[in-house]
Amino acid sequence: MKIEFTAKRVRLARVAIALVAISLAGYVAYAATQLSISNTGSVTTVGANWQGATFAPGTVPNCATATYSDTPSAITTWSVPASGSQTAGICVKNISTSSHTFTVTTTALTGSVTVACSDATNPTPSATITSASILAGSTDLVTVTVSAGSASSGSLSFTTNIA
């Protein structure tokens, strides 16, 4: 059996190869925009005045019913897409007998990934915020936003300190 390629079949084969190449290029370009950052964010409370409760990204925190601890759980469910961001919550409770303020700081990150915090007193996310005076037994919700640049990939770890 002899296979013969006519000019028409060669042209159809080239068109088919070109379509496959264009499809693959589109898939690679799409995949490049979907790189994710996998993170672990730990939270530490410093001093006898504060306890915390952490909430995973996408969860709506309820500080009134949260389970507070001197050593809040790490937030381990981050999956931040390249050129995107995710926000998680930390409820902070004043366990002393008088009013206090607290300061939230996050370890410095390198590259195009940033971590910023905000609360009702500080609505613009920043690497460091100081709360309003929190009454004894009262709570404050701190949001933690992790943002990644377009070339971000891999994993990282950061610590948010509340003092």
C-alpha atoms as a PDB file:
ATOM      1  CA  MET A   1       0.000   0.000   0.000  1.00  0.00           C
ATOM      2  CA  LYS A   2       1.401   3.313  -1.026  1.00  0.00           C
ATOM      3  CA  ILE A   3       0.586   6.569   0.775  1.00  0.00           C
ATOM      4  CA  GLU A   4       0.540   9.593  -1.447  1.00  0.00           C
ATOM      5  CA  PHE A   5       0.422  13.155  -0.204  1.00  0.00           C
ATOM      6  CA  THR A   6      -1.312  15.571  -2.498  1.00  0.00           C
ATOM      7  CA  ALA A   7      -0.832  19.311  -2.201  1.00  0.00           C
ATOM      8  CA  LYS A   8      -4.270  19.575  -0.606  1.00  0.00           C
ATOM      9  CA  ARG A   9      -3.441  16.985   2.101  1.00  0.00           C
ATOM     10  CA  VAL A  10      -0.080  18.614   2.848  1.00  0.00           C
ATOM     11  CA  ARG A  11      -1.845  21.964   3.274  1.00  0.00           C
ATOM     12  CA  LEU A  12      -4.464  20.369   5.601  1.00  0.00           C
ATOM     13  CA  ALA A  13      -1.704  18.728   7.631  1.00  0.00           C
ATOM     14  CA  ARG A  14       0.098  22.077   8.010  1.00  0.00           C
ATOM     15  CA  VAL A  15      -3.126  23.775   9.101  1.00  0.00           C
ATOM     16  CA  ALA A  16      -3.776  21.014  11.650  1.00  0.00           C
ATOM     17  CA  ILE A  17      -0.221  21.302  13.034  1.00  0.00           C
ATOM     18  CA  ALA A  18      -0.553  25.088  13.225  1.00  0.00           C
ATOM     19  CA  LEU A  19      -3.845  24.797  15.155  1.00  0.00           C
ATOM     20  CA  VAL A  20      -2.289  22.346  17.615  1.00  0.00           C
ATOM     21  CA  ALA A  21       0.713  24.662  18.087  1.00  0.00           C
ATOM     22  CA  ILE A  22      -1.544  27.674  18.709  1.00  0.00           C
ATOM     23  CA  SER A  23      -3.627  25.677  21.203  1.00  0.00           C
ATOM     24  CA  LEU A  24      -0.512  24.565  23.099  1.00  0.00           C
ATOM     25  CA  ALA A  25       0.858  28.114  23.167  1.00  0.00           C
ATOM     26  CA  GLY A  26      -2.449  29.360  24.578  1.00  0.00           C
ATOM     27  CA  TYR A  27      -2.442  26.638  27.224  1.00  0.00           C
ATOM     28  CA  VAL A  28       1.134  27.476  28.267  1.00  0.00           C
ATOM     29  CA  ALA A  29       0.270  31.185  28.472  1.00  0.00           C
ATOM     30  CA  TYR A  30      -2.815  30.396  30.590  1.00  0.00           C
ATOM     31  CA  ALA A  31      -0.831  28.074  32.876  1.00  0.00           C
ATOM     32  CA  ALA A  32       1.777  30.781  33.420  1.00  0.00           C
ATOM     33  CA  THR A  33      -0.911  33.042  34.906  1.00  0.00           C
ATOM     34  CA  GLN A  34      -2.041  30.314  37.319  1.00  0.00           C
ATOM     35  CA  LEU A  35       1.181  29.773  39.288  1.00  0.00           C
ATOM     36  CA  SER A  36       0.392  29.587  42.975  1.00  0.00           C
ATOM     37  CA  ILE A  37       2.169  30.499  46.149  1.00  0.00           C
ATOM     38  CA  SER A  38       1.738  27.934  48.905  1.00  0.00           C
ATOM     39  CA  ASN A  39       2.294  29.533  52.286  1.00  0.00           C
ATOM     40  CA  THR A  40       2.227  28.867  55.958  1.00  0.00           C
ATOM     41  CA  GLY A  41       1.419  31.871  58.095  1.00  0.00           C
ATOM     42  CA  SER A  42       1.884  31.521  61.821  1.00  0.00           C
ATOM     43  CA  VAL A  43       0.505  33.939  64.395  1.00  0.00           C
ATOM     44  CA  THR A  44       2.080  34.669  67.746  1.00  0.00           C
ATOM     45  CA  THR A  45       0.620  36.738  70.570  1.00  0.00           C
ATOM     46  CA  VAL A  46       3.156  38.357  72.839  1.00  0.00           C
ATOM     47  CA  GLY A  47       2.325  39.376  76.387  1.00  0.00           C
ATOM     48  CA  ALA A  48      -0.341  38.521  78.901  1.00  0.00           C
ATOM     49  CA  ASN A  49      -3.036  40.787  77.426  1.00  0.00           C
ATOM     50  CA  TRP A  50      -3.884  39.011  74.171  1.00  0.00           C
ATOM     51  CA  GLN A  51      -5.208  35.771  72.754  1.00  0.00           C
ATOM     52  CA  GLY A  52      -5.933  35.012  69.121  1.00  0.00           C
ATOM     53  CA  ALA A  53      -8.026  32.814  66.843  1.00  0.00           C
ATOM     54  CA  THR A  54      -7.161  32.262  63.170  1.00  0.00           C
ATOM     55  CA  PHE A  55      -9.452  31.722  60.195  1.00  0.00           C
ATOM     56  CA  ALA A  56      -8.501  30.277  56.809  1.00  0.00           C
ATOM     57  CA  PRO A  57      -8.742  32.350  53.627  1.00  0.00           C
ATOM     58  CA  GLY A  58     -12.289  32.531  52.341  1.00  0.00           C
ATOM     59  CA  THR A  59     -13.758  31.937  55.810  1.00  0.00           C
ATOM     60  CA  VAL A  60     -15.939  34.582  57.438  1.00  0.00           C
ATOM     61  CA  PRO A  61     -14.583  35.077  60.977  1.00  0.00           C
ATOM     62  CA  ASN A  62     -16.984  35.384  63.902  1.00  0.00           C
ATOM     63  CA  CYS A  63     -14.935  36.837  66.754  1.00  0.00           C
ATOM     64  CA  ALA A  64     -17.824  36.494  69.216  1.00  0.00           C
ATOM     65  CA  THR A  65     -17.841  32.673  68.975  1.00  0.00           C
ATOM     66  CA  ALA A  66     -14.159  32.045  68.169  1.00  0.00           C
ATOM     67  CA  THR A  67     -12.024  29.695  70.244  1.00  0.00           C
ATOM     68  CA  TYR A  68      -9.118  31.797  71.507  1.00  0.00           C
ATOM     69  CA  SER A  69      -5.643  30.612  72.403  1.00  0.00           C
ATOM     70  CA  ASP A  70      -2.284  31.943  73.592  1.00  0.00           C
ATOM     71  CA  THR A  71      -0.810  30.077  70.589  1.00  0.00           C
ATOM     72  CA  PRO A  72      -3.223  30.493  67.649  1.00  0.00           C
ATOM     73  CA  SER A  73      -3.052  27.914  64.856  1.00  0.00           C
ATOM     74  CA  ALA A  74      -0.989  28.608  61.762  1.00  0.00           C
ATOM     75  CA  ILE A  75      -2.956  29.485  58.644  1.00  0.00           C
ATOM     76  CA  THR A  76      -1.843  26.722  56.293  1.00  0.00           C
ATOM     77  CA  THR A  77      -4.426  26.853  53.517  1.00  0.00           C
ATOM     78  CA  TRP A  78      -3.083  29.752  51.468  1.00  0.00           C
ATOM     79  CA  SER A  79      -3.137  29.269  47.705  1.00  0.00           C
ATOM     80  CA  VAL A  80      -2.415  32.637  46.156  1.00  0.00           C
ATOM     81  CA  PRO A  81      -2.426  32.780  42.351  1.00  0.00           C
ATOM     82  CA  ALA A  82       0.227  34.804  40.527  1.00  0.00           C
ATOM     83  CA  SER A  83      -0.962  38.422  40.195  1.00  0.00           C
ATOM     84  CA  GLY A  84      -3.608  37.718  42.851  1.00  0.00           C
ATOM     85  CA  SER A  85      -4.237  37.856  46.575  1.00  0.00           C
ATOM     86  CA  GLN A  86      -6.036  36.080  49.398  1.00  0.00           C
ATOM     87  CA  THR A  87      -7.287  37.358  52.734  1.00  0.00           C
ATOM     88  CA  ALA A  88      -7.582  35.482  56.036  1.00  0.00           C
ATOM     89  CA  GLY A  89      -8.724  36.638  59.450  1.00  0.00           C
ATOM     90  CA  ILE A  90      -7.312  36.780  62.967  1.00  0.00           C
ATOM     91  CA  CYS A  91      -9.579  37.591  65.890  1.00  0.00           C
ATOM     92  CA  VAL A  92      -7.681  39.219  68.748  1.00  0.00           C
ATOM     93  CA  LYS A  93      -9.145  39.260  72.280  1.00  0.00           C
ATOM     94  CA  ASN A  94      -8.072  41.476  75.172  1.00  0.00           C
ATOM     95  CA  ILE A  95      -7.965  39.082  78.137  1.00  0.00           C
ATOM     96  CA  SER A  96      -6.704  41.627  80.663  1.00  0.00           C
ATOM     97  CA  THR A  97      -8.796  43.679  83.085  1.00  0.00           C
ATOM     98  CA  SER A  98      -8.131  47.054  81.419  1.00  0.00           C
ATOM     99  CA  SER A  99      -8.109  48.624  77.953  1.00  0.00           C
ATOM    100  CA  HIS A 100      -5.041  48.147  75.733  1.00  0.00           C
ATOM    101  CA  THR A 101      -3.856  48.671  72.184  1.00  0.00           C
ATOM    102  CA  PHE A 102      -1.897  46.098  70.212  1.00  0.00           C
ATOM    103  CA  THR A 103       0.500  46.307  67.304  1.00  0.00           C
ATOM    104  CA  VAL A 104       0.527  43.788  64.452  1.00  0.00           C
ATOM    105  CA  THR A 105       3.755  43.229  62.530  1.00  0.00           C
ATOM    106  CA  THR A 106       4.620  40.679  59.861  1.00  0.00           C
ATOM    107  CA  THR A 107       8.066  39.367  59.024  1.00  0.00           C
ATOM    108  CA  ALA A 108       9.551  41.002  55.942  1.00  0.00           C
ATOM    109  CA  LEU A 109       9.234  39.052  52.706  1.00  0.00           C
ATOM    110  CA  THR A 110      11.441  39.190  49.662  1.00  0.00           C
ATOM    111  CA  GLY A 111      10.485  39.254  46.020  1.00  0.00           C
ATOM    112  CA  SER A 112       7.056  40.120  44.725  1.00  0.00           C
ATOM    113  CA  VAL A 113       5.026  38.597  47.580  1.00  0.00           C
ATOM    114  CA  THR A 114       3.692  40.923  50.289  1.00  0.00           C
ATOM    115  CA  VAL A 115       1.741  40.421  53.498  1.00  0.00           C
ATOM    116  CA  ALA A 116      -0.317  43.308  54.852  1.00  0.00           C
ATOM    117  CA  CYS A 117      -2.762  43.630  57.761  1.00  0.00           C
ATOM    118  CA  SER A 118      -5.764  45.845  58.441  1.00  0.00           C
ATOM    119  CA  ASP A 119      -8.572  46.263  60.971  1.00  0.00           C
ATOM    120  CA  ALA A 120     -11.468  48.669  61.572  1.00  0.00           C
ATOM    121  CA  THR A 121      -9.104  51.414  62.795  1.00  0.00           C
ATOM    122  CA  ASN A 122      -6.591  50.797  59.983  1.00  0.00           C
ATOM    123  CA  PRO A 123      -8.636  50.004  56.851  1.00  0.00           C
ATOM    124  CA  THR A 124      -5.661  50.434  54.480  1.00  0.00           C
ATOM    125  CA  PRO A 125      -3.531  47.255  54.564  1.00  0.00           C
ATOM    126  CA  SER A 126      -0.013  47.807  55.884  1.00  0.00           C
ATOM    127  CA  ALA A 127       2.936  45.728  57.120  1.00  0.00           C
ATOM    128  CA  THR A 128       2.448  47.207  60.619  1.00  0.00           C
ATOM    129  CA  ILE A 129      -0.760  48.453  62.247  1.00  0.00           C
ATOM    130  CA  THR A 130      -1.710  49.598  65.750  1.00  0.00           C
ATOM    131  CA  SER A 131      -5.247  49.002  66.993  1.00  0.00           C
ATOM    132  CA  ALA A 132      -7.538  51.422  68.719  1.00  0.00           C
ATOM    133  CA  SER A 133      -7.883  50.916  72.465  1.00  0.00           C
ATOM    134  CA  ILE A 134      -9.607  47.557  73.017  1.00  0.00           C
ATOM    135  CA  LEU A 135     -11.738  47.258  76.149  1.00  0.00           C
ATOM    136  CA  ALA A 136     -11.150  44.396  78.596  1.00  0.00           C
ATOM    137  CA  GLY A 137     -12.819  41.261  77.250  1.00  0.00           C
ATOM    138  CA  SER A 138     -13.429  42.821  73.806  1.00  0.00           C
ATOM    139  CA  THR A 139     -12.191  41.663  70.400  1.00  0.00           C
ATOM    140  CA  ASP A 140     -10.843  43.081  67.165  1.00  0.00           C
ATOM    141  CA  LEU A 141     -10.748  41.449  63.731  1.00  0.00           C
ATOM    142  CA  VAL A 142      -7.430  41.731  61.883  1.00  0.00           C
ATOM    143  CA  THR A 143      -7.386  40.779  58.203  1.00  0.00           C
ATOM    144  CA  VAL A 144      -4.172  39.431  56.692  1.00  0.00           C
ATOM    145  CA  THR A 145      -3.798  39.817  52.929  1.00  0.00           C
ATOM    146  CA  VAL A 146      -1.113  37.945  50.991  1.00  0.00           C
ATOM    147  CA  SER A 147      -0.504  39.340  47.491  1.00  0.00           C
ATOM    148  CA  ALA A 148       1.705  37.840  44.786  1.00  0.00           C
ATOM    149  CA  GLY A 149       3.266  39.452  41.735  1.00  0.00           C
ATOM    150  CA  SER A 150       2.910  38.046  38.243  1.00  0.00           C
ATOM    151  CA  ALA A 151       6.202  36.118  38.443  1.00  0.00           C
ATOM    152  CA  SER A 152       5.630  34.624  41.907  1.00  0.00           C
ATOM    153  CA  SER A 153       5.784  30.894  42.484  1.00  0.00           C
ATOM    154  CA  GLY A 154       6.836  28.384  45.103  1.00  0.00           C
ATOM    155  CA  SER A 155       6.279  28.412  48.833  1.00  0.00           C
ATOM    156  CA  LEU A 156       7.133  30.692  51.708  1.00  0.00           C
ATOM    157  CA  SER A 157       6.527  31.128  55.385  1.00  0.00           C
ATOM    158  CA  PHE A 158       5.760  34.228  57.382  1.00  0.00           C
ATOM    159  CA  THR A 159       4.934  35.113  60.970  1.00  0.00           C
ATOM    160  CA  THR A 160       2.431  37.703  62.153  1.00  0.00           C
ATOM    161  CA  ASN A 161       3.172  39.034  65.651  1.00  0.00           C
ATOM    162  CA  ILE A 162       0.566  40.644  67.889  1.00  0.00           C
ATOM    163  CA  ALA A 163       1.952  42.535  70.888  1.00  0.00           C
END
